[in-house]
Protein backbone atom coordinates (compact mmCIF):
# COMPACT_ATOMS: atom_id res chain seq x y z
CA MET A 1 102.98 122.74 108.45
CA SER A 2 102.14 119.68 108.87
CA THR A 3 101.87 118.07 112.59
CA VAL A 4 101.97 114.66 113.75
CA ASP A 5 98.65 113.01 115.30
CA ALA A 6 99.43 111.86 118.99
CA SER A 7 96.18 109.80 118.78
CA GLN A 8 97.51 107.69 115.54
CA LEU A 9 98.42 104.33 116.10
CA THR A 10 101.20 102.71 114.09
CA ILE A 11 100.89 99.26 113.05
CA PRO A 12 102.80 97.61 111.43
CA VAL A 13 102.37 93.70 108.75
CA ILE A 14 105.14 91.73 108.59
CA LEU A 15 105.21 89.16 105.63
CA GLY A 16 106.86 86.14 107.07
CA THR A 17 108.05 84.28 104.78
CA PRO A 18 110.28 84.41 101.73
CA ARG A 19 109.30 82.01 99.24
CA GLN A 20 109.43 82.45 95.73
CA GLY A 21 105.68 82.67 94.21
CA ARG A 22 104.10 83.39 98.24
CA LEU A 23 100.38 83.81 97.27
CA SER A 24 100.42 85.07 100.84
CA GLU A 25 102.04 88.61 99.89
CA HIS A 26 98.94 89.03 97.80
CA VAL A 27 96.88 88.70 101.64
CA ALA A 28 99.32 91.20 102.95
CA ARG A 29 98.37 93.48 100.19
CA ILE A 30 94.20 93.81 101.39
CA MET A 31 95.91 94.02 105.00
CA ILE A 32 98.01 96.59 104.54
CA GLU A 33 95.06 98.25 101.98
CA GLN A 34 92.46 97.89 104.96
CA LEU A 35 94.89 98.76 107.81
CA CYS A 36 95.13 102.26 105.50
CA LYS A 37 91.55 103.28 105.49
CA ARG A 38 91.43 103.81 109.37
CA ARG A 39 92.28 107.79 109.92
CA ASP A 40 94.27 106.29 113.50
CA VAL A 41 96.04 103.79 111.91
CA ALA A 42 99.83 104.49 110.08
CA THR A 43 100.74 101.01 108.78
CA THR A 44 103.90 99.46 106.70
CA LEU A 45 105.00 96.32 105.27
CA ILE A 46 107.91 94.78 106.71
CA ASP A 47 109.21 91.66 104.29
CA VAL A 48 111.41 89.03 105.73
CA ARG A 49 112.42 88.87 102.26
CA THR A 50 114.36 92.00 102.64
CA LEU A 51 115.91 91.70 106.12
CA TYR A 52 119.24 90.03 105.51
CA LEU A 53 120.13 88.51 109.23
CA SER A 54 122.99 86.58 109.75
CA SER A 55 122.66 82.99 109.63
CA MET A 56 126.20 82.38 111.88
CA ASP A 57 124.23 83.47 114.99
CA ALA A 58 120.52 84.18 116.39
CA GLY A 59 118.80 86.44 119.00
CA GLU A 60 119.25 90.06 119.42
CA ALA A 61 122.87 89.99 118.62
CA ILE A 62 122.04 89.61 114.96
CA LYS A 63 120.05 92.75 115.19
CA ASP A 64 118.63 94.38 112.25
CA ALA A 65 118.80 98.27 113.31
CA ALA A 66 115.47 99.65 111.02
CA PHE A 67 113.75 96.26 112.05
CA SER A 68 114.27 97.10 115.27
CA GLU A 69 113.07 100.76 115.44
CA ALA A 70 110.07 99.38 113.98
CA MET A 71 109.19 97.20 116.27
CA LEU A 72 110.53 99.58 119.17
CA ARG A 73 108.08 102.62 117.30
CA ALA A 74 104.85 99.60 116.99
CA ASP A 75 101.88 99.87 119.08
CA GLY A 76 100.86 97.12 117.71
CA LEU A 77 101.64 94.36 114.98
CA VAL A 78 99.85 92.02 112.26
CA ILE A 79 102.16 88.89 110.95
CA VAL A 80 101.00 87.11 107.75
CA VAL A 81 101.90 83.67 107.68
CA PRO A 82 101.56 80.82 105.78
CA GLU A 83 101.62 77.32 106.87
CA TYR A 84 104.53 75.18 106.16
CA ASN A 85 104.26 71.56 106.64
CA HIS A 86 101.84 72.53 109.75
CA GLY A 87 104.35 75.56 111.17
CA TYR A 88 106.07 78.62 110.64
CA PRO A 89 108.13 79.62 108.83
CA GLY A 90 112.15 79.05 110.06
CA ILE A 91 113.38 82.86 108.68
CA LEU A 92 110.06 83.79 110.63
CA LYS A 93 111.22 82.92 113.79
CA HIS A 94 114.94 84.03 113.04
CA VAL A 95 113.71 87.56 112.52
CA LEU A 96 111.42 87.74 115.59
CA ASP A 97 113.99 86.74 117.68
CA THR A 98 116.29 89.32 117.29
CA ASN A 99 114.22 91.41 119.39
CA LEU A 100 112.90 91.20 123.19
CA LYS A 101 111.86 94.41 124.83
CA GLU A 102 110.34 96.02 121.30
CA TYR A 103 107.82 93.55 121.87
CA ILE A 104 106.39 93.55 125.54
CA HIS A 105 102.44 94.69 126.02
CA LYS A 106 101.84 94.64 122.03
CA PRO A 107 99.20 93.05 121.11
CA VAL A 108 99.50 91.21 117.64
CA GLY A 109 96.92 90.13 115.25
CA LEU A 110 97.78 86.78 113.51
CA CYS A 111 96.38 86.06 109.97
CA GLY A 112 97.56 82.60 108.65
CA VAL A 113 97.02 81.39 104.80
CA SER A 114 96.91 78.08 103.78
CA ALA A 115 96.86 76.23 100.14
CA GLY A 116 94.05 73.95 102.10
CA GLY A 117 90.91 74.22 103.44
CA PHE A 118 92.27 74.81 107.38
CA GLY A 119 93.33 78.65 106.66
CA GLY A 120 96.62 78.01 108.70
CA THR A 121 95.14 77.24 111.89
CA ARG A 122 97.78 74.79 112.57
CA VAL A 123 100.16 77.55 112.20
CA VAL A 124 98.19 80.24 113.88
CA GLU A 125 98.20 77.58 117.66
CA SER A 126 102.13 77.04 116.98
CA LEU A 127 102.71 80.94 116.95
CA LEU A 128 100.75 81.32 119.97
CA PRO A 129 103.70 80.51 122.53
CA VAL A 130 105.88 82.44 120.69
CA MET A 131 104.14 85.66 120.73
CA ARG A 132 103.64 84.72 124.35
CA GLU A 133 107.42 84.42 125.38
CA LEU A 134 108.20 87.43 123.34
CA GLY A 135 105.55 89.58 125.51
CA LEU A 136 103.37 90.17 122.97
CA VAL A 137 99.81 89.93 123.45
CA SER A 138 97.92 87.93 121.16
CA ILE A 139 93.86 88.67 120.33
CA PHE A 140 90.75 86.53 120.16
CA TRP A 141 90.48 87.45 116.72
CA ASP A 142 91.95 85.20 113.76
CA VAL A 143 92.08 85.36 109.95
CA ASN A 144 92.69 81.86 108.33
CA VAL A 145 92.83 82.52 104.81
CA SER A 146 92.04 79.05 103.08
CA SER A 147 92.77 77.43 99.68
CA VAL A 148 94.33 80.48 98.88
CA GLY A 149 95.09 80.47 95.35
CA LYS A 150 91.53 80.28 94.78
CA ALA A 151 91.20 83.46 96.65
CA PHE A 152 93.13 85.56 94.32
CA ASP A 153 92.65 85.17 90.64
CA GLU A 154 96.32 84.82 88.63
CA SER A 155 97.32 88.64 88.94
CA GLY A 156 96.67 88.72 92.53
CA LYS A 157 92.89 90.42 91.97
CA LEU A 158 91.09 89.41 95.00
CA LEU A 159 87.95 87.04 94.64
CA ASP A 160 87.12 86.18 97.89
CA GLN A 161 85.25 89.56 98.72
CA ALA A 162 84.29 88.17 102.58
CA LEU A 163 88.38 88.22 103.07
CA PRO A 164 88.34 92.08 103.82
CA ARG A 165 85.41 91.90 106.19
CA ARG A 166 86.84 89.27 108.57
CA ILE A 167 90.29 91.36 108.01
CA ASP A 168 88.17 94.18 109.31
CA LYS A 169 86.75 92.17 112.29
CA MET A 170 90.00 91.82 113.92
CA LEU A 171 91.65 95.26 113.00
CA SER A 172 89.15 96.58 115.26
CA GLU A 173 90.06 94.20 117.88
CA LEU A 174 93.89 94.78 117.53
CA VAL A 175 93.18 98.78 117.38
CA TRP A 176 90.81 98.23 120.50
CA MET A 177 93.66 96.49 122.58
CA ALA A 178 96.43 98.50 120.48
CA ARG A 179 94.84 102.03 122.58
CA VAL A 180 94.34 100.18 125.90
CA LEU A 181 98.14 98.35 125.99
CA ARG A 182 99.47 102.11 125.06
CA TYR A 183 97.95 103.66 128.08
CA GLY A 184 99.20 100.95 130.49
CA ARG A 185 102.67 101.28 128.94
CA ASP A 186 102.84 105.22 129.56
CA ASN A 187 100.45 105.17 132.58
CA VAL A 188 100.47 102.19 134.90
CA SER A 189 103.52 100.93 136.60
CA THR A 190 104.04 97.76 137.70
CA SER A 191 106.74 98.74 140.75
CA ASP A 192 106.35 101.17 143.56
CA ALA A 193 107.47 103.80 143.23
CA SER A 194 109.10 104.90 146.12
CA ALA A 195 111.21 101.91 145.61
CA ASN A 196 113.15 103.17 142.78
CA LEU A 197 114.37 106.88 141.42
CA PRO A 198 112.15 107.39 137.93
CA MET A 199 114.16 105.52 135.20
CA MET A 200 114.61 109.41 133.40
CA CYS A 201 114.29 108.75 129.10
CA THR A 202 117.46 109.54 127.40
CA ALA A 203 115.67 110.98 124.02
CA CYS A 204 113.56 113.79 125.50
CA GLY A 205 114.23 114.04 129.32
CA LEU A 206 110.99 113.11 131.30
CA PRO A 207 110.41 110.08 133.53
CA MET A 208 109.64 107.13 132.44
CA ASN A 209 107.00 104.58 133.22
CA GLN A 210 108.18 101.04 134.11
CA HIS A 211 105.27 98.45 132.71
CA ALA A 212 107.13 95.08 133.00
CA GLN A 213 109.87 93.15 133.89
CA LYS A 214 111.67 90.63 131.56
CA VAL A 215 113.99 87.88 132.27
CA ASP A 216 117.37 87.14 130.65
CA PHE A 217 118.42 84.29 129.65
CA SER A 218 121.12 85.27 128.37
CA SER A 219 122.68 86.69 131.31
CA PRO A 220 126.40 84.41 132.45
CA THR A 221 125.29 84.68 135.92
CA THR A 222 123.44 82.04 137.84
CA ALA A 223 122.41 84.29 141.33
CA ASP A 224 119.03 83.16 140.69
CA PRO A 225 118.39 79.43 141.11
CA VAL A 226 115.14 79.42 139.65
CA PHE A 227 115.86 81.86 136.55
CA TYR A 228 119.38 81.46 135.48
CA GLY A 229 119.27 84.95 134.12
CA THR A 230 119.15 88.60 134.63
CA LEU A 231 115.77 90.14 135.49
CA GLN A 232 115.37 93.60 134.05
CA GLN A 233 112.66 96.69 133.82
CA ILE A 234 110.96 98.04 130.65
CA HIS A 235 109.71 101.19 130.86
CA GLN A 236 108.66 103.52 128.41
CA CYS A 237 108.64 106.98 128.07
CA ALA A 238 104.79 108.84 127.93
CA GLY A 239 106.37 111.42 126.19
CA CYS A 240 107.78 110.12 123.06
CA GLY A 241 107.41 106.33 123.34
CA ASN A 242 110.73 105.34 123.73
CA VAL A 243 111.71 102.03 125.52
CA GLN A 244 114.91 101.60 127.77
CA VAL A 245 115.69 98.71 130.09
CA ARG A 246 117.22 98.82 133.54
CA LEU A 247 117.92 96.21 135.79
CA ALA A 248 115.93 95.19 138.52
CA ASP A 249 118.10 96.23 141.08
CA ALA A 250 119.54 99.10 139.82
CA SER A 251 118.07 102.43 141.49
């Protein structure tokens, strides 16, 4: 009978473009291959092309259940994203915005892909404020793939033999940060334990740890003259990893 390794990290790779003929797909494949070499990491590819989200609404109102569950269980993320007109694909932003609490205090590694010589540095820079607002923690190593059309041959075979080494450097930092932040989410509280009764996990019944607070700007309340929103507490269960939200003034 097989058992789950509790020390194993879950780090999915998000491929951030649905375009036909996308060369960033080859980069995402190499990223997955490098992650699979690490015994302490479980990974999977999340392709935005396969997420059929409504264009009639946005944000958490159009959550995809499978994607949200993957983000909830993730200990960190890698985003492989091409640079389009000095920015990131709109579909990637549409997908990322469907979750909030699922991301908080989890590290993200960014991999920019470009047909030109700057290796997607501009798309990485433009994504950093988005990562911060979502609650993700950006690590200080990025991967930049310049002239991606020359990094692979027509069949998708890797020609740039330095790419796996650059990816491995980023992943080492990402894995370290993922372990540190998972410990923090499980054990380091942002609240005075005596101020509120502990929140109990609805999945396994164990006490949960409050590791963050987040303002919900979609709330109709105007009670707070600064935020005009509702302050939420983010709790995580050290036993099963479940994440739950409670209003800041709830007990």
